[in-house]
Amino acid sequence: MKRICSIYKSPRKNEMYLYVLKADGLERVPEALLPFFGKPVHAFDLVLTPERQLAREDIAKVLENLEQQGYHLQMPPVEDEYIEHLPEELLRRNDPV
């Protein structure tokens, strides 16, 4: 199954992306998701097939979510959240521990 997909990035959360079928646009994305995600910013369009590999997502899961719910939400990597929540003094520390 080949799907033409539009990818949107979140203006609120770095490395959070929303995959939707290009033909549907954002119409199948739940309204409740948008306050958390922010106003979607179109990043690019992509042809998805089961043979294609994605850097951080399982292509089978992306295609399944697009088919069943009309969108796929790619969350940022866990490491980013950890680093963002470190105390400021640890992020600026220059001397070895």
N, C-alpha and C. Protein backbone atom coordinates (compact mmCIF):
# COMPACT_ATOMS: atom_id res chain seq x y z
N MET A 1 0.84 -1.18 0.00
CA MET A 1 0.00 0.00 0.00
C MET A 1 0.88 1.24 0.00
N LYS A 2 0.66 2.14 -0.93
CA LYS A 2 1.41 3.38 -1.05
C LYS A 2 0.51 4.52 -0.59
N ARG A 3 1.06 5.38 0.27
CA ARG A 3 0.30 6.52 0.79
C ARG A 3 1.13 7.80 0.61
N ILE A 4 0.47 8.84 0.12
CA ILE A 4 1.12 10.14 0.05
C ILE A 4 0.74 10.88 1.33
N CYS A 5 1.75 11.27 2.06
CA CYS A 5 1.58 11.78 3.40
C CYS A 5 2.14 13.20 3.50
N SER A 6 1.47 14.04 4.27
CA SER A 6 2.00 15.36 4.61
C SER A 6 2.50 15.30 6.04
N ILE A 7 3.66 15.87 6.27
CA ILE A 7 4.27 15.89 7.60
C ILE A 7 4.24 17.33 8.11
N TYR A 8 3.73 17.49 9.33
CA TYR A 8 3.67 18.81 9.97
C TYR A 8 4.52 18.78 11.23
N LYS A 9 5.22 19.87 11.49
CA LYS A 9 6.00 19.96 12.72
C LYS A 9 5.26 20.82 13.72
N SER A 10 5.53 20.55 14.98
CA SER A 10 4.90 21.30 16.06
C SER A 10 5.70 22.56 16.35
N PRO A 11 5.03 23.71 16.48
CA PRO A 11 5.74 24.91 16.88
C PRO A 11 6.00 24.95 18.39
N ARG A 12 5.38 24.02 19.13
CA ARG A 12 5.50 24.01 20.59
C ARG A 12 6.55 23.06 21.12
N LYS A 13 6.79 21.98 20.39
CA LYS A 13 7.68 20.93 20.90
C LYS A 13 8.65 20.53 19.79
N ASN A 14 9.94 20.73 20.03
CA ASN A 14 10.97 20.37 19.06
C ASN A 14 10.92 18.88 18.76
N GLU A 15 11.01 18.54 17.49
CA GLU A 15 11.04 17.15 17.01
C GLU A 15 9.72 16.39 17.22
N MET A 16 8.62 17.09 17.36
CA MET A 16 7.30 16.44 17.38
C MET A 16 6.68 16.67 16.00
N TYR A 17 6.21 15.58 15.37
CA TYR A 17 5.67 15.66 14.02
C TYR A 17 4.32 14.96 13.94
N LEU A 18 3.50 15.46 13.03
CA LEU A 18 2.18 14.91 12.79
C LEU A 18 2.13 14.45 11.34
N TYR A 19 1.87 13.17 11.13
CA TYR A 19 1.74 12.60 9.79
C TYR A 19 0.25 12.50 9.46
N VAL A 20 -0.15 12.98 8.28
CA VAL A 20 -1.53 12.85 7.83
C VAL A 20 -1.52 12.46 6.36
N LEU A 21 -2.62 11.85 5.91
CA LEU A 21 -2.75 11.58 4.48
C LEU A 21 -2.93 12.91 3.77
N LYS A 22 -2.17 13.12 2.71
CA LYS A 22 -2.22 14.41 2.00
C LYS A 22 -3.64 14.71 1.52
N ALA A 23 -4.35 13.71 1.04
CA ALA A 23 -5.71 13.91 0.53
C ALA A 23 -6.67 14.38 1.63
N ASP A 24 -6.45 13.93 2.86
CA ASP A 24 -7.33 14.31 3.98
C ASP A 24 -6.92 15.62 4.64
N GLY A 25 -5.66 15.98 4.53
CA GLY A 25 -5.17 17.15 5.24
C GLY A 25 -5.31 16.94 6.74
N LEU A 26 -5.67 17.97 7.44
CA LEU A 26 -5.78 17.92 8.90
C LEU A 26 -7.19 17.59 9.38
N GLU A 27 -8.12 17.30 8.47
CA GLU A 27 -9.52 17.11 8.86
C GLU A 27 -9.78 15.93 9.78
N ARG A 28 -8.93 14.91 9.79
CA ARG A 28 -9.14 13.75 10.67
C ARG A 28 -8.37 13.84 11.99
N VAL A 29 -7.60 14.91 12.16
CA VAL A 29 -6.85 15.11 13.41
C VAL A 29 -7.83 15.61 14.48
N PRO A 30 -7.87 14.97 15.65
CA PRO A 30 -8.79 15.40 16.70
C PRO A 30 -8.49 16.83 17.17
N GLU A 31 -9.54 17.61 17.36
CA GLU A 31 -9.39 18.99 17.85
C GLU A 31 -8.66 19.03 19.20
N ALA A 32 -8.87 18.01 20.03
CA ALA A 32 -8.25 17.97 21.36
C ALA A 32 -6.73 17.86 21.28
N LEU A 33 -6.19 17.38 20.18
CA LEU A 33 -4.74 17.24 20.02
C LEU A 33 -4.06 18.58 19.70
N LEU A 34 -4.75 19.44 19.01
CA LEU A 34 -4.14 20.67 18.51
C LEU A 34 -3.66 21.64 19.59
N PRO A 35 -4.36 21.83 20.72
CA PRO A 35 -3.79 22.72 21.75
C PRO A 35 -2.45 22.21 22.29
N PHE A 36 -2.29 20.92 22.37
CA PHE A 36 -1.04 20.31 22.84
C PHE A 36 0.05 20.43 21.76
N PHE A 37 -0.32 20.17 20.50
CA PHE A 37 0.62 20.17 19.38
C PHE A 37 0.95 21.58 18.93
N GLY A 38 -0.02 22.48 18.97
CA GLY A 38 0.14 23.83 18.43
C GLY A 38 -0.36 23.87 17.00
N LYS A 39 -0.31 25.03 16.38
CA LYS A 39 -0.76 25.18 14.99
C LYS A 39 0.24 24.45 14.08
N PRO A 40 -0.21 23.38 13.41
CA PRO A 40 0.70 22.59 12.58
C PRO A 40 1.38 23.43 11.49
N VAL A 41 2.68 23.23 11.34
CA VAL A 41 3.47 23.91 10.32
C VAL A 41 3.90 22.85 9.30
N HIS A 42 3.46 23.01 8.04
CA HIS A 42 3.79 22.02 7.01
C HIS A 42 5.31 21.97 6.82
N ALA A 43 5.87 20.75 6.94
CA ALA A 43 7.30 20.56 6.78
C ALA A 43 7.62 20.02 5.38
N PHE A 44 6.95 18.93 4.99
CA PHE A 44 7.18 18.34 3.68
C PHE A 44 6.16 17.25 3.42
N ASP A 45 6.13 16.77 2.17
CA ASP A 45 5.29 15.64 1.77
C ASP A 45 6.20 14.46 1.47
N LEU A 46 5.66 13.25 1.67
CA LEU A 46 6.46 12.04 1.55
C LEU A 46 5.59 10.89 1.07
N VAL A 47 6.12 10.06 0.20
CA VAL A 47 5.43 8.84 -0.22
C VAL A 47 5.85 7.73 0.73
N LEU A 48 4.87 7.12 1.40
CA LEU A 48 5.15 6.03 2.34
C LEU A 48 4.72 4.71 1.74
N THR A 49 5.60 3.72 1.85
CA THR A 49 5.30 2.35 1.44
C THR A 49 5.80 1.44 2.56
N PRO A 50 5.29 0.21 2.65
CA PRO A 50 5.77 -0.71 3.69
C PRO A 50 7.27 -0.99 3.62
N GLU A 51 7.86 -0.83 2.44
CA GLU A 51 9.30 -1.10 2.28
C GLU A 51 10.18 0.07 2.73
N ARG A 52 9.60 1.24 2.84
CA ARG A 52 10.37 2.43 3.21
C ARG A 52 10.79 2.37 4.67
N GLN A 53 11.97 2.87 4.97
CA GLN A 53 12.42 2.97 6.36
C GLN A 53 12.37 4.42 6.79
N LEU A 54 11.93 4.64 8.00
CA LEU A 54 11.92 5.97 8.60
C LEU A 54 12.96 6.00 9.70
N ALA A 55 13.53 7.15 9.95
CA ALA A 55 14.63 7.27 10.92
C ALA A 55 14.21 6.89 12.33
N ARG A 56 13.04 7.35 12.79
CA ARG A 56 12.68 7.14 14.18
C ARG A 56 11.31 6.48 14.37
N GLU A 57 10.66 6.09 13.31
CA GLU A 57 9.33 5.51 13.44
C GLU A 57 9.26 4.18 12.71
N ASP A 58 8.39 3.31 13.21
CA ASP A 58 8.11 2.02 12.57
C ASP A 58 7.11 2.28 11.45
N ILE A 59 7.53 2.06 10.21
CA ILE A 59 6.69 2.36 9.05
C ILE A 59 5.35 1.62 9.11
N ALA A 60 5.36 0.38 9.60
CA ALA A 60 4.11 -0.38 9.70
C ALA A 60 3.13 0.30 10.65
N LYS A 61 3.63 0.81 11.77
CA LYS A 61 2.78 1.49 12.75
C LYS A 61 2.26 2.82 12.19
N VAL A 62 3.12 3.55 11.48
CA VAL A 62 2.70 4.82 10.87
C VAL A 62 1.57 4.56 9.87
N LEU A 63 1.77 3.59 8.98
CA LEU A 63 0.74 3.28 7.98
C LEU A 63 -0.56 2.79 8.64
N GLU A 64 -0.44 1.99 9.67
CA GLU A 64 -1.62 1.50 10.40
C GLU A 64 -2.39 2.66 11.03
N ASN A 65 -1.67 3.57 11.69
CA ASN A 65 -2.32 4.72 12.32
C ASN A 65 -2.98 5.62 11.28
N LEU A 66 -2.32 5.83 10.15
CA LEU A 66 -2.91 6.65 9.09
C LEU A 66 -4.21 6.03 8.59
N GLU A 67 -4.21 4.73 8.42
CA GLU A 67 -5.39 4.02 7.93
C GLU A 67 -6.53 4.02 8.95
N GLN A 68 -6.21 3.70 10.20
CA GLN A 68 -7.24 3.52 11.23
C GLN A 68 -7.74 4.83 11.83
N GLN A 69 -6.81 5.76 12.14
CA GLN A 69 -7.26 6.96 12.84
C GLN A 69 -7.07 8.24 12.03
N GLY A 70 -6.36 8.15 10.91
CA GLY A 70 -6.21 9.30 10.04
C GLY A 70 -5.01 10.18 10.32
N TYR A 71 -4.20 9.81 11.29
CA TYR A 71 -2.99 10.57 11.60
C TYR A 71 -2.04 9.69 12.40
N HIS A 72 -0.78 10.12 12.45
CA HIS A 72 0.22 9.48 13.31
C HIS A 72 1.01 10.60 13.98
N LEU A 73 1.15 10.53 15.29
CA LEU A 73 1.89 11.53 16.05
C LEU A 73 3.26 10.97 16.40
N GLN A 74 4.31 11.64 15.93
CA GLN A 74 5.68 11.26 16.28
C GLN A 74 6.13 12.13 17.43
N MET A 75 6.39 11.50 18.56
CA MET A 75 6.82 12.22 19.75
C MET A 75 8.33 12.47 19.69
N PRO A 76 8.81 13.51 20.37
CA PRO A 76 10.25 13.77 20.41
C PRO A 76 10.98 12.65 21.14
N PRO A 77 12.27 12.48 20.88
CA PRO A 77 13.02 11.45 21.60
C PRO A 77 13.03 11.74 23.10
N VAL A 78 13.06 10.70 23.89
CA VAL A 78 13.05 10.82 25.35
C VAL A 78 14.25 11.62 25.85
N GLU A 79 15.41 11.48 25.22
CA GLU A 79 16.62 12.17 25.66
C GLU A 79 16.41 13.69 25.68
N ASP A 80 15.68 14.22 24.71
CA ASP A 80 15.42 15.66 24.67
C ASP A 80 14.70 16.12 25.92
N GLU A 81 13.70 15.36 26.35
CA GLU A 81 12.95 15.74 27.54
C GLU A 81 13.86 15.72 28.78
N TYR A 82 14.73 14.76 28.87
CA TYR A 82 15.64 14.66 30.00
C TYR A 82 16.56 15.88 30.06
N ILE A 83 17.14 16.23 28.93
CA ILE A 83 18.05 17.36 28.88
C ILE A 83 17.33 18.67 29.17
N GLU A 84 16.13 18.83 28.66
CA GLU A 84 15.37 20.07 28.89
C GLU A 84 15.04 20.27 30.37
N HIS A 85 14.94 19.20 31.13
CA HIS A 85 14.55 19.30 32.52
C HIS A 85 15.73 19.31 33.50
N LEU A 86 16.95 19.27 32.98
CA LEU A 86 18.11 19.38 33.86
C LEU A 86 18.17 20.78 34.46
N PRO A 87 18.61 20.89 35.69
CA PRO A 87 18.76 22.23 36.28
C PRO A 87 19.74 23.06 35.46
N GLU A 88 19.47 24.32 35.34
CA GLU A 88 20.28 25.23 34.53
C GLU A 88 21.76 25.20 34.92
N GLU A 89 22.07 25.08 36.21
CA GLU A 89 23.47 25.07 36.64
C GLU A 89 24.22 23.84 36.12
N LEU A 90 23.54 22.72 35.92
CA LEU A 90 24.20 21.54 35.36
C LEU A 90 24.45 21.70 33.87
N LEU A 91 23.57 22.40 33.20
CA LEU A 91 23.76 22.60 31.77
C LEU A 91 24.92 23.57 31.48
N ARG A 92 25.23 24.46 32.40
CA ARG A 92 26.30 25.45 32.20
C ARG A 92 27.61 25.04 32.85
N ARG A 93 27.62 23.98 33.59
CA ARG A 93 28.82 23.59 34.34
C ARG A 93 29.96 23.21 33.41
N ASN A 94 31.14 23.77 33.63
CA ASN A 94 32.30 23.53 32.77
C ASN A 94 33.32 22.57 33.40
N ASP A 95 33.41 22.53 34.73
CA ASP A 95 34.43 21.67 35.35
C ASP A 95 33.95 20.22 35.43
N PRO A 96 34.89 19.26 35.32
CA PRO A 96 34.50 17.84 35.35
C PRO A 96 33.94 17.44 36.71
N VAL A 97 33.08 16.47 36.67
CA VAL A 97 32.44 15.98 37.90
C VAL A 97 33.27 14.89 38.51
